[in-house]
Amino acid sequence: MANSTMQSLIKTASELAVDKDFDRWTIEDHWIPTLNDAIKAVIIARPDSYVVDSVFACKAGTKQTLDEDVVLLFNVVRNVGGKAVGGLQDMKFLDDYRPEWRESTGKTATDTYMYDETTPKTFYIYPGVVDGHQLEIQAASIPALLDKTKYDANEKIALSPIWDNPVIEFMIYRTFSQDAEFAANGQRAALALQAFNSLLGIKTQGDAMFATSQQPEQQQPK
């Protein structure tokens, strides 16, 4: 199933907001920024909604900093042009048995990586590598912002259609929140936000059930 277009999502949201002719809220000043915010909100709530394979250029040593658009690291796959990188390593194990490991540098390939979601922009590799060494990684990222030029070209959004409903609900929430001084609009905003959270929550529960029953050995980010 092809990803939905900007125009189709904005059309649906504007009709639900009783603004199908864009009299109250304009496309460029309201609906496009609101669509960008909705996409970002879905990805932050569900990082698995947009996972990108990319090449990461390392700094010399063991400590690495991810790009600003990265939300969560899922996997370090391999040294580009070389061997695979082993799964998540326990940092405490290295601290206990090789306390100087953070000073490692100069290698042309790394063996393993360490990552803690509480510091999502940072990960460590061991052994440390030369500056510019390339790794293939998989990470949740925020896609490039959408704009009026892309809208006019009827471009598709980055997210799969399975995320369209929460995207639309967030757009409705953000739209009616701007007129929340009116009781009816405040209530509509609250209901849309509740629907957004419910849709993502239901999907989370469904994924958890599938993972438990079908994929007990699946590696999760640490």
Protein backbone atom coordinates (compact mmCIF):
# COMPACT_ATOMS: atom_id res chain seq x y z
CA MET A 1 0.00 0.00 0.00
CA ALA A 2 1.45 3.34 -1.06
CA ASN A 3 2.02 6.06 1.49
CA SER A 4 -0.63 8.76 1.66
CA THR A 5 -0.12 12.15 0.07
CA MET A 6 0.05 15.46 1.88
CA GLN A 7 -3.01 16.64 0.01
CA SER A 8 -5.15 13.65 0.98
CA LEU A 9 -4.30 13.90 4.68
CA ILE A 10 -4.83 17.65 4.84
CA LYS A 11 -8.12 17.29 2.94
CA THR A 12 -9.37 14.70 5.42
CA ALA A 13 -8.29 16.70 8.46
CA SER A 14 -9.76 19.96 7.13
CA GLU A 15 -13.10 18.30 6.39
CA LEU A 16 -13.23 16.85 9.91
CA ALA A 17 -12.49 20.33 11.22
CA VAL A 18 -15.38 21.68 9.11
CA ASP A 19 -12.95 23.78 7.06
CA LYS A 20 -12.88 21.98 3.73
CA ASP A 21 -12.43 25.26 1.80
CA PHE A 22 -9.58 26.39 4.09
CA ASP A 23 -11.44 29.54 5.13
CA ARG A 24 -10.53 29.33 8.81
CA TRP A 25 -7.10 27.76 8.59
CA THR A 26 -4.83 28.15 5.55
CA ILE A 27 -2.85 25.36 3.95
CA GLU A 28 0.58 26.97 4.17
CA ASP A 29 0.34 28.69 7.55
CA HIS A 30 -1.63 26.06 9.45
CA TRP A 31 -2.23 22.70 7.82
CA ILE A 32 1.27 21.96 6.55
CA PRO A 33 3.00 22.87 9.86
CA THR A 34 0.31 20.90 11.70
CA LEU A 35 0.97 17.87 9.49
CA ASN A 36 4.70 18.16 10.23
CA ASP A 37 3.95 18.28 13.96
CA ALA A 38 1.64 15.27 13.70
CA ILE A 39 4.26 13.17 11.94
CA LYS A 40 6.82 14.11 14.57
CA ALA A 41 4.38 13.29 17.39
CA VAL A 42 3.73 9.81 16.00
CA ILE A 43 7.44 9.07 15.59
CA ILE A 44 8.28 10.26 19.10
CA ALA A 45 5.48 8.11 20.54
CA ARG A 46 6.25 5.15 18.29
CA PRO A 47 9.87 5.28 17.06
CA ASP A 48 9.31 2.09 15.07
CA SER A 49 6.94 4.02 12.78
CA TYR A 50 9.84 5.41 10.74
CA VAL A 51 13.10 3.44 10.85
CA VAL A 52 15.84 4.38 8.39
CA ASP A 53 18.92 2.45 7.27
CA SER A 54 21.83 4.85 6.91
CA VAL A 55 25.61 5.14 6.92
CA PHE A 56 27.06 6.76 10.03
CA ALA A 57 30.51 8.39 9.99
CA CYS A 58 32.28 7.80 13.31
CA LYS A 59 34.45 10.13 15.31
CA ALA A 60 37.76 8.72 16.47
CA GLY A 61 37.40 6.56 19.57
CA THR A 62 34.50 4.82 21.27
CA LYS A 63 31.93 7.54 21.99
CA GLN A 64 29.64 8.42 19.08
CA THR A 65 26.96 11.11 18.73
CA LEU A 66 23.95 10.55 16.51
CA ASP A 67 22.56 13.21 14.17
CA GLU A 68 19.96 15.66 15.48
CA ASP A 69 17.13 14.08 13.48
CA VAL A 70 17.62 10.67 15.13
CA VAL A 71 15.07 9.76 17.80
CA LEU A 72 16.24 6.27 18.77
CA LEU A 73 18.97 3.85 17.70
CA PHE A 74 17.67 0.36 16.95
CA ASN A 75 20.75 -1.46 15.67
CA VAL A 76 24.34 -1.09 14.53
CA VAL A 77 24.42 -3.56 11.66
CA ARG A 78 27.97 -3.74 10.36
CA ASN A 79 31.20 -2.02 9.49
CA VAL A 80 30.63 -0.68 5.97
CA GLY A 81 32.50 -2.95 3.58
CA GLY A 82 33.43 -5.29 6.40
CA LYS A 83 32.23 -7.53 9.21
CA ALA A 84 29.00 -7.44 11.15
CA VAL A 85 28.84 -5.64 14.49
CA GLY A 86 27.81 -7.83 17.41
CA GLY A 87 24.59 -7.15 19.30
CA LEU A 88 24.23 -4.93 22.32
CA GLN A 89 27.05 -5.34 24.83
CA ASP A 90 26.74 -4.80 28.57
CA MET A 91 28.68 -1.63 29.40
CA LYS A 92 29.05 -2.65 33.04
CA PHE A 93 30.77 -5.85 31.97
CA LEU A 94 33.40 -3.86 30.08
CA ASP A 95 33.71 -1.38 32.94
CA ASP A 96 34.41 -4.22 35.37
CA TYR A 97 36.75 -6.34 33.27
CA ARG A 98 38.32 -3.79 30.91
CA PRO A 99 37.99 -0.41 32.69
CA GLU A 100 40.18 1.41 30.15
CA TRP A 101 38.00 0.42 27.19
CA ARG A 102 36.72 3.97 26.59
CA GLU A 103 40.25 5.07 25.63
CA SER A 104 40.39 2.56 22.77
CA THR A 105 40.89 4.13 19.32
CA GLY A 106 42.58 3.68 15.96
CA LYS A 107 40.94 0.45 14.78
CA THR A 108 39.57 0.01 11.27
CA ALA A 109 36.60 -2.08 12.44
CA THR A 110 34.55 -2.36 15.61
CA ASP A 111 33.14 -5.52 17.20
CA THR A 112 30.18 -4.45 19.33
CA TYR A 113 28.15 -1.47 20.50
CA MET A 114 26.44 -0.18 23.65
CA TYR A 115 23.37 2.04 23.89
CA ASP A 116 21.15 3.44 26.63
CA GLU A 117 17.77 4.96 25.69
CA THR A 118 18.07 7.48 28.54
CA THR A 119 20.81 9.19 26.47
CA PRO A 120 19.33 8.59 23.01
CA LYS A 121 21.81 10.70 21.03
CA THR A 122 24.88 8.80 22.27
CA PHE A 123 26.16 5.28 21.70
CA TYR A 124 29.49 3.57 22.27
CA ILE A 125 31.45 1.10 20.18
CA TYR A 126 34.31 -1.22 21.06
CA PRO A 127 37.02 -1.24 20.04
CA GLY A 128 37.29 2.45 19.16
CA VAL A 129 37.90 3.33 15.53
CA VAL A 130 39.67 5.87 13.37
CA ASP A 131 37.96 9.15 12.50
CA GLY A 132 35.58 8.79 9.57
CA HIS A 133 35.07 5.04 9.92
CA GLN A 134 31.64 4.13 8.56
CA LEU A 135 28.95 2.00 10.17
CA GLU A 136 25.61 0.89 8.82
CA ILE A 137 22.94 1.71 11.39
CA GLN A 138 19.16 1.44 11.76
CA ALA A 139 17.51 4.29 13.62
CA ALA A 140 14.19 6.04 14.08
CA SER A 141 14.48 9.49 12.54
CA ILE A 142 12.41 12.60 11.93
CA PRO A 143 11.95 13.00 8.15
CA ALA A 144 12.61 16.24 6.29
CA LEU A 145 9.96 18.91 6.85
CA LEU A 146 7.11 19.15 4.38
CA ASP A 147 6.40 22.49 2.71
CA LYS A 148 4.09 24.17 0.19
CA THR A 149 6.25 23.14 -2.77
CA LYS A 150 5.93 19.49 -1.76
CA TYR A 151 2.21 19.97 -1.18
CA ASP A 152 1.73 21.42 -4.67
CA ALA A 153 3.66 18.45 -6.08
CA ASN A 154 1.32 16.13 -4.14
CA GLU A 155 4.24 14.37 -2.44
CA LYS A 156 3.70 11.44 -0.11
CA ILE A 157 4.54 11.54 3.58
CA ALA A 158 7.26 9.30 4.99
CA LEU A 159 5.03 7.24 7.28
CA SER A 160 3.18 4.07 6.28
CA PRO A 161 -0.62 4.38 5.86
CA ILE A 162 -1.11 2.37 9.06
CA TRP A 163 -0.22 5.59 10.90
CA ASP A 164 -2.66 7.84 8.99
CA ASN A 165 -5.40 7.81 11.62
CA PRO A 166 -3.23 8.99 14.53
CA VAL A 167 -1.68 11.61 12.22
CA ILE A 168 -5.14 12.96 11.38
CA GLU A 169 -6.31 12.88 15.01
CA PHE A 170 -3.26 14.87 16.08
CA MET A 171 -3.95 17.43 13.35
CA ILE A 172 -7.53 17.79 14.62
CA TYR A 173 -6.28 18.11 18.20
CA ARG A 174 -3.81 20.84 17.26
CA THR A 175 -6.39 22.68 15.15
CA PHE A 176 -9.14 22.83 17.75
CA SER A 177 -6.63 23.61 20.50
CA GLN A 178 -6.10 26.99 18.83
CA ASP A 179 -9.75 27.83 19.49
CA ALA A 180 -9.99 26.11 22.85
CA GLU A 181 -11.52 29.19 24.49
CA PHE A 182 -14.78 28.00 22.95
CA ALA A 183 -16.06 25.10 25.04
CA ALA A 184 -17.08 22.97 22.07
CA ASN A 185 -13.68 23.30 20.41
CA GLY A 186 -11.86 22.55 23.63
CA GLN A 187 -13.90 19.37 23.96
CA ARG A 188 -13.18 18.41 20.34
CA ALA A 189 -9.46 18.95 20.93
CA ALA A 190 -9.54 16.76 24.04
CA LEU A 191 -11.41 13.99 22.22
CA ALA A 192 -8.98 14.08 19.30
CA LEU A 193 -5.98 13.86 21.64
CA GLN A 194 -7.64 10.95 23.43
CA ALA A 195 -8.18 9.22 20.09
CA PHE A 196 -4.54 9.84 19.11
CA ASN A 197 -3.29 8.28 22.34
CA SER A 198 -5.77 5.41 22.10
CA LEU A 199 -4.80 4.53 18.53
CA LEU A 200 -1.12 4.41 19.41
CA GLY A 201 -1.84 2.55 22.64
CA ILE A 202 -3.93 -0.09 20.93
CA LYS A 203 -1.20 -0.61 18.36
CA THR A 204 1.44 -0.85 21.08
CA GLN A 205 -0.57 -3.58 22.86
CA GLY A 206 -1.05 -5.45 19.61
CA ASP A 207 2.64 -5.33 18.80
CA ALA A 208 3.52 -6.51 22.31
CA MET A 209 1.19 -9.49 22.01
CA PHE A 210 2.68 -10.42 18.64
CA ALA A 211 6.23 -10.08 19.95
CA THR A 212 5.43 -12.26 22.96
CA SER A 213 3.74 -15.02 21.01
CA GLN A 214 5.75 -15.00 17.78
CA GLN A 215 9.17 -13.46 18.41
CA PRO A 216 10.42 -14.33 21.90
CA GLU A 217 14.06 -13.99 20.85
CA GLN A 218 13.76 -10.63 19.13
CA GLN A 219 16.42 -8.19 20.26
CA GLN A 220 15.14 -4.90 21.62
CA PRO A 221 17.05 -1.62 22.05
CA LYS A 222 18.76 -1.43 25.39
